[in-house]
C-alpha cells in the first residue's frame, strides 16, 4: 500500500463513518412548523403564488395599444377601492387582478372605442407590508417583498436594540374572523441555528413586536397594545377581545 495512503487511511475511514451516521440519523421534526395549524400561513409560501389582487393605495398604469392618447400613468387606487378614468368615469379596481381589470376596461371602453386593447400595469404596491415595533432601531412599516421572515423584517427595521428580548417576539396576524391570532417565537433559536422554524414567514399586515420586558399574559398584552399603542389601523383591521374593530379609519397619536 502506498505510504501516504496508509497515513491518511484512519482519517478517511472516520470521515466515511460520520457521513454514514449523518445520512442514517433520525429526522428531527420542527416544532414551530408542527404548530402551523394554530398560526396559519407561517410556513414557506408555495410557488407559483396566486395572481396579485389590486388593493387601495396601489398605483396603476393604463395603456391603450391603439389609442395612446388615453394612456393614464400612476393612477392611485383610492381608499374606497375605485379609480377615475377618461370617458368611463369611476369604477372599482380593488379586489381585481390586473388581468380582470384589463377585461373590465375593455368592456367599458367598447362603447366608446372601436377596438380597445388595454393593459393594466402595477407600478407600486401599497398593501404588501408588515408593521415592526418595539425594541428595534427603526420601528414602522416594512415593505413585504416576496417571502420575508421575522428576522428579515427586523433587519429592515434596523435590527434589535440592546434592550430587546429576541427569545419572546410576538407576531400578531388577522384571522378570518377579524380577530388577532397570536404567536410567540424564540428568535434566539433561529439566530444560533438550533430551530430555524422559529423564524416564520410573514403575511401582509402582520405585526411583529419585540418586547423589552417579559410578557406574562400575551392575550391581555395584545388587547392593550392594539387599543392603546398602534397609532393607525393595519390592512383590513383587527377586532380586539372586547369586540372593538380596528380598521377603516386612521387613528393618530399615541
C-alpha atoms as a PDB file:
ATOM      1  CA  UNK A   1       0.000   0.000   0.000  1.00  0.00           C
ATOM      2  CA  UNK A   2       1.207   3.487  -0.803  1.00  0.00           C
ATOM      3  CA  UNK A   3       2.747   5.017   2.397  1.00  0.00           C
ATOM      4  CA  UNK A   4       0.792   8.269   2.032  1.00  0.00           C
ATOM      5  CA  UNK A   5      -2.491   6.349   1.774  1.00  0.00           C
ATOM      6  CA  UNK A   6      -1.511   4.281   4.866  1.00  0.00           C
ATOM      7  CA  UNK A   7      -1.026   7.503   6.879  1.00  0.00           C
ATOM      8  CA  UNK A   8      -4.411   9.022   5.960  1.00  0.00           C
ATOM      9  CA  UNK A   9      -6.421   5.771   5.950  1.00  0.00           C
ATOM     10  CA  UNK A  10      -7.722   6.111   9.571  1.00  0.00           C
ATOM     11  CA  UNK A  11      -8.876   9.670   8.880  1.00  0.00           C
ATOM     12  CA  UNK A  12     -10.629   8.603   5.665  1.00  0.00           C
ATOM     13  CA  UNK A  13     -12.439   5.800   7.498  1.00  0.00           C
ATOM     14  CA  UNK A  14     -13.608   8.211  10.220  1.00  0.00           C
ATOM     15  CA  UNK A  15     -14.987  10.658   7.645  1.00  0.00           C
ATOM     16  CA  UNK A  16     -16.865   7.857   5.834  1.00  0.00           C
ATOM     17  CA  UNK A  17     -18.324   6.637   9.137  1.00  0.00           C
ATOM     18  CA  UNK A  18     -19.505  10.144  10.094  1.00  0.00           C
ATOM     19  CA  UNK A  19     -21.146  10.635   6.700  1.00  0.00           C
ATOM     20  CA  UNK A  20     -22.962   7.313   7.049  1.00  0.00           C
ATOM     21  CA  UNK A  21     -24.181   8.161  10.562  1.00  0.00           C
ATOM     22  CA  UNK A  22     -25.457  11.563   9.402  1.00  0.00           C
ATOM     23  CA  UNK A  23     -27.328  10.078   6.451  1.00  0.00           C
ATOM     24  CA  UNK A  24     -28.938   7.382   8.573  1.00  0.00           C
ATOM     25  CA  UNK A  25     -29.734   9.566  11.575  1.00  0.00           C
ATOM     26  CA  UNK A  26     -33.301  10.367  12.645  1.00  0.00           C
ATOM     27  CA  UNK A  27     -35.184  13.266  11.043  1.00  0.00           C
ATOM     28  CA  UNK A  28     -35.893  15.946  13.666  1.00  0.00           C
ATOM     29  CA  UNK A  29     -39.351  17.474  13.315  1.00  0.00           C
ATOM     30  CA  UNK A  30     -39.561  21.223  13.623  1.00  0.00           C
ATOM     31  CA  UNK A  31     -41.881  22.177  16.452  1.00  0.00           C
ATOM     32  CA  UNK A  32     -42.824  25.586  15.050  1.00  0.00           C
ATOM     33  CA  UNK A  33     -43.957  24.103  11.749  1.00  0.00           C
ATOM     34  CA  UNK A  34     -45.830  21.334  13.562  1.00  0.00           C
ATOM     35  CA  UNK A  35     -47.837  24.075  15.243  1.00  0.00           C
ATOM     36  CA  UNK A  36     -48.650  25.853  11.962  1.00  0.00           C
ATOM     37  CA  UNK A  37     -52.331  24.857  12.223  1.00  0.00           C
ATOM     38  CA  UNK A  38     -52.698  27.297  15.113  1.00  0.00           C
ATOM     39  CA  UNK A  39     -50.870  30.015  13.186  1.00  0.00           C
ATOM     40  CA  UNK A  40     -51.778  29.537   9.508  1.00  0.00           C
ATOM     41  CA  UNK A  41     -49.508  30.668   6.746  1.00  0.00           C
ATOM     42  CA  UNK A  42     -46.306  30.749   8.773  1.00  0.00           C
ATOM     43  CA  UNK A  43     -44.592  28.244   6.511  1.00  0.00           C
ATOM     44  CA  UNK A  44     -42.700  28.966   3.315  1.00  0.00           C
ATOM     45  CA  UNK A  45     -45.258  30.079   0.680  1.00  0.00           C
ATOM     46  CA  UNK A  46     -45.654  27.697  -2.218  1.00  0.00           C
ATOM     47  CA  UNK A  47     -44.868  28.880  -5.725  1.00  0.00           C
ATOM     48  CA  UNK A  48     -46.285  29.984  -8.036  1.00  0.00           C
ATOM     49  CA  UNK A  49     -48.340  32.301  -5.819  1.00  0.00           C
ATOM     50  CA  UNK A  50     -51.901  33.311  -6.771  1.00  0.00           C
ATOM     51  CA  UNK A  51     -52.097  36.322  -9.068  1.00  0.00           C
ATOM     52  CA  UNK A  52     -51.884  39.580  -7.164  1.00  0.00           C
ATOM     53  CA  UNK A  53     -55.136  41.431  -6.476  1.00  0.00           C
ATOM     54  CA  UNK A  54     -55.176  45.204  -6.586  1.00  0.00           C
ATOM     55  CA  UNK A  55     -55.505  46.980  -3.248  1.00  0.00           C
ATOM     56  CA  UNK A  56     -56.192  50.555  -2.122  1.00  0.00           C
ATOM     57  CA  UNK A  57     -53.034  52.638  -2.290  1.00  0.00           C
ATOM     58  CA  UNK A  58     -51.610  50.804  -5.312  1.00  0.00           C
ATOM     59  CA  UNK A  59     -50.644  52.845  -8.369  1.00  0.00           C
ATOM     60  CA  UNK A  60     -51.559  51.702 -11.876  1.00  0.00           C
ATOM     61  CA  UNK A  61     -50.590  52.494 -15.446  1.00  0.00           C
ATOM     62  CA  UNK A  62     -53.391  52.027 -18.001  1.00  0.00           C
ATOM     63  CA  UNK A  63     -52.071  51.567 -21.561  1.00  0.00           C
ATOM     64  CA  UNK A  64     -54.185  51.645 -24.721  1.00  0.00           C
ATOM     65  CA  UNK A  65     -52.493  49.844 -27.623  1.00  0.00           C
ATOM     66  CA  UNK A  66     -54.431  51.619 -30.408  1.00  0.00           C
ATOM     67  CA  UNK A  67     -55.421  54.818 -28.560  1.00  0.00           C
ATOM     68  CA  UNK A  68     -52.272  56.058 -26.780  1.00  0.00           C
ATOM     69  CA  UNK A  69     -53.840  59.469 -26.213  1.00  0.00           C
ATOM     70  CA  UNK A  70     -55.962  57.802 -23.496  1.00  0.00           C
ATOM     71  CA  UNK A  71     -52.983  56.336 -21.613  1.00  0.00           C
ATOM     72  CA  UNK A  72     -53.031  57.026 -17.874  1.00  0.00           C
ATOM     73  CA  UNK A  73     -49.929  56.912 -15.673  1.00  0.00           C
ATOM     74  CA  UNK A  74     -49.614  56.404 -11.918  1.00  0.00           C
ATOM     75  CA  UNK A  75     -53.339  56.294 -11.209  1.00  0.00           C
ATOM     76  CA  UNK A  76     -53.862  55.880  -7.455  1.00  0.00           C
ATOM     77  CA  UNK A  77     -56.395  53.371  -6.196  1.00  0.00           C
ATOM     78  CA  UNK A  78     -58.406  55.355  -3.663  1.00  0.00           C
ATOM     79  CA  UNK A  79     -59.195  54.114  -0.124  1.00  0.00           C
ATOM     80  CA  UNK A  80     -62.669  53.159  -1.394  1.00  0.00           C
ATOM     81  CA  UNK A  81     -61.003  50.884  -3.976  1.00  0.00           C
ATOM     82  CA  UNK A  82     -62.072  52.919  -7.011  1.00  0.00           C
ATOM     83  CA  UNK A  83     -60.185  54.696  -9.822  1.00  0.00           C
ATOM     84  CA  UNK A  84     -61.220  57.503 -12.174  1.00  0.00           C
ATOM     85  CA  UNK A  85     -60.585  57.279 -15.928  1.00  0.00           C
ATOM     86  CA  UNK A  86     -61.344  59.300 -19.042  1.00  0.00           C
ATOM     87  CA  UNK A  87     -64.609  58.519 -20.860  1.00  0.00           C
ATOM     88  CA  UNK A  88     -65.793  55.807 -18.464  1.00  0.00           C
ATOM     89  CA  UNK A  89     -65.582  57.694 -15.168  1.00  0.00           C
ATOM     90  CA  UNK A  90     -65.197  55.762 -11.918  1.00  0.00           C
ATOM     91  CA  UNK A  91     -65.015  52.025 -11.452  1.00  0.00           C
ATOM     92  CA  UNK A  92     -63.883  49.580  -8.793  1.00  0.00           C
ATOM     93  CA  UNK A  93     -60.333  48.255  -9.172  1.00  0.00           C
ATOM     94  CA  UNK A  94     -59.576  46.867  -5.697  1.00  0.00           C
ATOM     95  CA  UNK A  95     -60.061  43.124  -5.412  1.00  0.00           C
ATOM     96  CA  UNK A  96     -59.459  42.509  -9.116  1.00  0.00           C
ATOM     97  CA  UNK A  97     -56.326  41.064 -10.669  1.00  0.00           C
ATOM     98  CA  UNK A  98     -54.634  43.209 -13.341  1.00  0.00           C
ATOM     99  CA  UNK A  99     -55.932  40.776 -15.969  1.00  0.00           C
ATOM    100  CA  UNK A 100     -59.503  41.048 -14.669  1.00  0.00           C
ATOM    101  CA  UNK A 101     -59.301  44.838 -14.604  1.00  0.00           C
ATOM    102  CA  UNK A 102     -57.976  44.868 -18.199  1.00  0.00           C
ATOM    103  CA  UNK A 103     -61.007  42.856 -19.351  1.00  0.00           C
ATOM    104  CA  UNK A 104     -63.386  45.097 -17.414  1.00  0.00           C
ATOM    105  CA  UNK A 105     -61.878  48.194 -19.006  1.00  0.00           C
ATOM    106  CA  UNK A 106     -62.082  46.711 -22.498  1.00  0.00           C
ATOM    107  CA  UNK A 107     -65.799  46.055 -21.942  1.00  0.00           C
ATOM    108  CA  UNK A 108     -66.362  49.591 -20.664  1.00  0.00           C
ATOM    109  CA  UNK A 109     -64.397  51.268 -23.458  1.00  0.00           C
ATOM    110  CA  UNK A 110     -66.014  49.112 -26.176  1.00  0.00           C
ATOM    111  CA  UNK A 111     -68.912  51.582 -26.060  1.00  0.00           C
ATOM    112  CA  UNK A 112     -66.585  54.476 -26.920  1.00  0.00           C
ATOM    113  CA  UNK A 113     -63.805  52.841 -28.956  1.00  0.00           C
ATOM    114  CA  UNK A 114     -63.849  50.561 -31.974  1.00  0.00           C
ATOM    115  CA  UNK A 115     -61.112  48.161 -30.892  1.00  0.00           C
ATOM    116  CA  UNK A 116     -59.988  48.687 -27.301  1.00  0.00           C
ATOM    117  CA  UNK A 117     -56.979  46.653 -26.230  1.00  0.00           C
ATOM    118  CA  UNK A 118     -55.846  47.670 -22.778  1.00  0.00           C
ATOM    119  CA  UNK A 119     -53.052  46.589 -20.433  1.00  0.00           C
ATOM    120  CA  UNK A 120     -53.016  47.289 -16.693  1.00  0.00           C
ATOM    121  CA  UNK A 121     -49.523  47.615 -15.217  1.00  0.00           C
ATOM    122  CA  UNK A 122     -48.892  47.739 -11.464  1.00  0.00           C
ATOM    123  CA  UNK A 123     -46.361  50.481 -10.744  1.00  0.00           C
ATOM    124  CA  UNK A 124     -46.285  50.343  -6.928  1.00  0.00           C
ATOM    125  CA  UNK A 125     -47.717  48.099  -4.253  1.00  0.00           C
ATOM    126  CA  UNK A 126     -49.096  49.782  -1.157  1.00  0.00           C
ATOM    127  CA  UNK A 127     -50.741  46.803   0.501  1.00  0.00           C
ATOM    128  CA  UNK A 128     -47.761  44.446   0.816  1.00  0.00           C
ATOM    129  CA  UNK A 129     -46.302  45.491   4.151  1.00  0.00           C
ATOM    130  CA  UNK A 130     -45.829  44.485   7.772  1.00  0.00           C
ATOM    131  CA  UNK A 131     -45.529  46.594  10.922  1.00  0.00           C
ATOM    132  CA  UNK A 132     -42.411  46.173  13.085  1.00  0.00           C
ATOM    133  CA  UNK A 133     -42.483  47.732  16.553  1.00  0.00           C
ATOM    134  CA  UNK A 134     -40.908  47.530  19.983  1.00  0.00           C
ATOM    135  CA  UNK A 135     -37.194  47.217  20.710  1.00  0.00           C
ATOM    136  CA  UNK A 136     -35.931  47.725  17.153  1.00  0.00           C
ATOM    137  CA  UNK A 137     -33.892  50.648  15.915  1.00  0.00           C
ATOM    138  CA  UNK A 138     -36.396  51.834  13.285  1.00  0.00           C
ATOM    139  CA  UNK A 139     -39.969  50.920  14.149  1.00  0.00           C
ATOM    140  CA  UNK A 140     -42.571  51.325  11.424  1.00  0.00           C
ATOM    141  CA  UNK A 141     -43.877  49.875   8.195  1.00  0.00           C
ATOM    142  CA  UNK A 142     -41.701  47.452   6.226  1.00  0.00           C
ATOM    143  CA  UNK A 143     -42.444  46.615   2.596  1.00  0.00           C
ATOM    144  CA  UNK A 144     -43.135  42.912   2.179  1.00  0.00           C
ATOM    145  CA  UNK A 145     -41.329  41.873  -0.998  1.00  0.00           C
ATOM    146  CA  UNK A 146     -41.582  38.186  -1.779  1.00  0.00           C
ATOM    147  CA  UNK A 147     -41.117  35.697   1.042  1.00  0.00           C
ATOM    148  CA  UNK A 148     -39.927  37.535   4.173  1.00  0.00           C
ATOM    149  CA  UNK A 149     -39.258  36.084   7.615  1.00  0.00           C
ATOM    150  CA  UNK A 150     -39.471  37.781  11.023  1.00  0.00           C
ATOM    151  CA  UNK A 151     -35.693  38.217  11.252  1.00  0.00           C
ATOM    152  CA  UNK A 152     -35.598  39.766   7.789  1.00  0.00           C
ATOM    153  CA  UNK A 153     -38.322  42.259   8.736  1.00  0.00           C
ATOM    154  CA  UNK A 154     -36.452  43.170  11.929  1.00  0.00           C
ATOM    155  CA  UNK A 155     -33.289  43.650   9.883  1.00  0.00           C
ATOM    156  CA  UNK A 156     -35.241  46.095   7.692  1.00  0.00           C
ATOM    157  CA  UNK A 157     -36.199  47.848  10.926  1.00  0.00           C
ATOM    158  CA  UNK A 158     -32.564  48.420  11.831  1.00  0.00           C
ATOM    159  CA  UNK A 159     -32.083  45.290  13.925  1.00  0.00           C
ATOM    160  CA  UNK A 160     -32.575  44.623  17.628  1.00  0.00           C
ATOM    161  CA  UNK A 161     -31.820  47.195  20.300  1.00  0.00           C
ATOM    162  CA  UNK A 162     -29.575  46.119  23.174  1.00  0.00           C
ATOM    163  CA  UNK A 163     -32.681  46.045  25.388  1.00  0.00           C
ATOM    164  CA  UNK A 164     -34.608  43.633  23.116  1.00  0.00           C
ATOM    165  CA  UNK A 165     -35.812  40.181  24.158  1.00  0.00           C
ATOM    166  CA  UNK A 166     -35.388  38.154  20.936  1.00  0.00           C
ATOM    167  CA  UNK A 167     -36.500  34.963  22.683  1.00  0.00           C
ATOM    168  CA  UNK A 168     -40.041  36.322  23.227  1.00  0.00           C
ATOM    169  CA  UNK A 169     -41.030  38.081  19.990  1.00  0.00           C
ATOM    170  CA  UNK A 170     -44.771  38.342  19.334  1.00  0.00           C
ATOM    171  CA  UNK A 171     -46.375  38.082  15.887  1.00  0.00           C
ATOM    172  CA  UNK A 172     -49.998  39.215  15.518  1.00  0.00           C
ATOM    173  CA  UNK A 173     -51.940  38.126  12.450  1.00  0.00           C
ATOM    174  CA  UNK A 174     -55.515  38.990  11.473  1.00  0.00           C
ATOM    175  CA  UNK A 175     -57.622  35.844  11.379  1.00  0.00           C
ATOM    176  CA  UNK A 176     -60.522  35.084   9.073  1.00  0.00           C
ATOM    177  CA  UNK A 177     -62.955  36.310  11.758  1.00  0.00           C
ATOM    178  CA  UNK A 178     -61.071  39.636  12.070  1.00  0.00           C
ATOM    179  CA  UNK A 179     -59.738  38.624  15.478  1.00  0.00           C
ATOM    180  CA  UNK A 180     -55.987  38.612  16.138  1.00  0.00           C
ATOM    181  CA  UNK A 181     -54.090  35.330  16.036  1.00  0.00           C
ATOM    182  CA  UNK A 182     -51.042  35.482  18.300  1.00  0.00           C
ATOM    183  CA  UNK A 183     -47.786  33.546  18.086  1.00  0.00           C
ATOM    184  CA  UNK A 184     -44.751  33.951  20.352  1.00  0.00           C
ATOM    185  CA  UNK A 185     -41.437  32.885  18.798  1.00  0.00           C
ATOM    186  CA  UNK A 186     -37.921  32.421  20.119  1.00  0.00           C
ATOM    187  CA  UNK A 187     -35.667  34.072  17.582  1.00  0.00           C
ATOM    188  CA  UNK A 188     -32.553  33.257  19.595  1.00  0.00           C
ATOM    189  CA  UNK A 189     -33.003  29.654  18.443  1.00  0.00           C
ATOM    190  CA  UNK A 190     -33.174  30.828  14.837  1.00  0.00           C
ATOM    191  CA  UNK A 191     -30.114  33.049  15.270  1.00  0.00           C
ATOM    192  CA  UNK A 192     -27.975  30.267  16.752  1.00  0.00           C
ATOM    193  CA  UNK A 193     -29.341  27.738  14.225  1.00  0.00           C
ATOM    194  CA  UNK A 194     -30.950  25.318  16.705  1.00  0.00           C
ATOM    195  CA  UNK A 195     -34.517  25.881  15.416  1.00  0.00           C
ATOM    196  CA  UNK A 196     -34.781  27.866  12.183  1.00  0.00           C
ATOM    197  CA  UNK A 197     -38.557  27.266  12.036  1.00  0.00           C
ATOM    198  CA  UNK A 198     -38.987  29.867  14.803  1.00  0.00           C
ATOM    199  CA  UNK A 199     -38.207  32.438  12.107  1.00  0.00           C
ATOM    200  CA  UNK A 200     -41.590  32.036  10.409  1.00  0.00           C
ATOM    201  CA  UNK A 201     -42.626  33.633   7.123  1.00  0.00           C
ATOM    202  CA  UNK A 202     -44.825  36.720   7.363  1.00  0.00           C
ATOM    203  CA  UNK A 203     -48.070  37.677   5.658  1.00  0.00           C
ATOM    204  CA  UNK A 204     -49.207  41.143   4.603  1.00  0.00           C
ATOM    205  CA  UNK A 205     -50.338  43.286   7.571  1.00  0.00           C
ATOM    206  CA  UNK A 206     -48.663  41.088  10.199  1.00  0.00           C
ATOM    207  CA  UNK A 207     -47.465  42.949  13.294  1.00  0.00           C
ATOM    208  CA  UNK A 208     -44.050  41.985  14.698  1.00  0.00           C
ATOM    209  CA  UNK A 209     -43.419  43.244  18.230  1.00  0.00           C
ATOM    210  CA  UNK A 210     -40.071  42.879  20.005  1.00  0.00           C
ATOM    211  CA  UNK A 211     -40.644  43.350  23.749  1.00  0.00           C
ATOM    212  CA  UNK A 212     -38.350  44.930  26.312  1.00  0.00           C
ATOM    213  CA  UNK A 213     -39.787  43.179  29.339  1.00  0.00           C
ATOM    214  CA  UNK A 214     -41.373  39.741  29.858  1.00  0.00           C
ATOM    215  CA  UNK A 215     -44.952  39.349  28.627  1.00  0.00           C
ATOM    216  CA  UNK A 216     -46.806  37.414  31.325  1.00  0.00           C
ATOM    217  CA  UNK A 217     -50.247  37.391  29.685  1.00  0.00           C
ATOM    218  CA  UNK A 218     -49.997  37.500  25.897  1.00  0.00           C
ATOM    219  CA  UNK A 219     -53.748  37.906  25.288  1.00  0.00           C
ATOM    220  CA  UNK A 220     -54.000  40.824  27.730  1.00  0.00           C
ATOM    221  CA  UNK A 221     -50.897  42.399  26.226  1.00  0.00           C
ATOM    222  CA  UNK A 222     -52.282  42.153  22.687  1.00  0.00           C
ATOM    223  CA  UNK A 223     -55.535  43.804  23.776  1.00  0.00           C
ATOM    224  CA  UNK A 224     -53.668  46.667  25.455  1.00  0.00           C
ATOM    225  CA  UNK A 225     -51.196  47.004  22.597  1.00  0.00           C
ATOM    226  CA  UNK A 226     -53.745  47.122  19.781  1.00  0.00           C
ATOM    227  CA  UNK A 227     -56.140  49.507  21.550  1.00  0.00           C
ATOM    228  CA  UNK A 228     -53.573  51.817  23.136  1.00  0.00           C
ATOM    229  CA  UNK A 229     -50.294  51.766  21.222  1.00  0.00           C
ATOM    230  CA  UNK A 230     -50.783  51.244  17.466  1.00  0.00           C
ATOM    231  CA  UNK A 231     -51.277  54.750  16.006  1.00  0.00           C
ATOM    232  CA  UNK A 232     -53.203  53.568  12.926  1.00  0.00           C
ATOM    233  CA  UNK A 233     -55.122  50.650  11.536  1.00  0.00           C
ATOM    234  CA  UNK A 234     -53.260  47.919   9.649  1.00  0.00           C
ATOM    235  CA  UNK A 235     -54.784  46.461   6.491  1.00  0.00           C
ATOM    236  CA  UNK A 236     -58.403  45.422   6.772  1.00  0.00           C
ATOM    237  CA  UNK A 237     -58.354  45.825  10.558  1.00  0.00           C
ATOM    238  CA  UNK A 238     -58.414  43.804  13.750  1.00  0.00           C
ATOM    239  CA  UNK A 239     -61.070  43.036  16.316  1.00  0.00           C
ATOM    240  CA  UNK A 240     -59.927  43.175  19.925  1.00  0.00           C
ATOM    241  CA  UNK A 241     -61.160  40.629  22.521  1.00  0.00           C
ATOM    242  CA  UNK A 242     -63.722  43.199  23.678  1.00  0.00           C
ATOM    243  CA  UNK A 243     -65.240  43.319  20.182  1.00  0.00           C
ATOM    244  CA  UNK A 244     -63.737  46.646  19.131  1.00  0.00           C
ATOM    245  CA  UNK A 245     -62.961  46.557  15.389  1.00  0.00           C
ATOM    246  CA  UNK A 246     -59.850  48.450  14.341  1.00  0.00           C
ATOM    247  CA  UNK A 247     -59.758  49.329  10.679  1.00  0.00           C
ATOM    248  CA  UNK A 248     -61.081  51.636   8.010  1.00  0.00           C
ATOM    249  CA  UNK A 249     -60.221  54.891   9.758  1.00  0.00           C
ATOM    250  CA  UNK A 250     -56.934  56.460  10.715  1.00  0.00           C
ATOM    251  CA  UNK A 251     -56.007  56.827  14.344  1.00  0.00           C
ATOM    252  CA  UNK A 252     -53.414  59.427  15.283  1.00  0.00           C
ATOM    253  CA  UNK A 253     -51.248  59.913  18.314  1.00  0.00           C
ATOM    254  CA  UNK A 254     -50.003  57.519  20.931  1.00  0.00           C
END
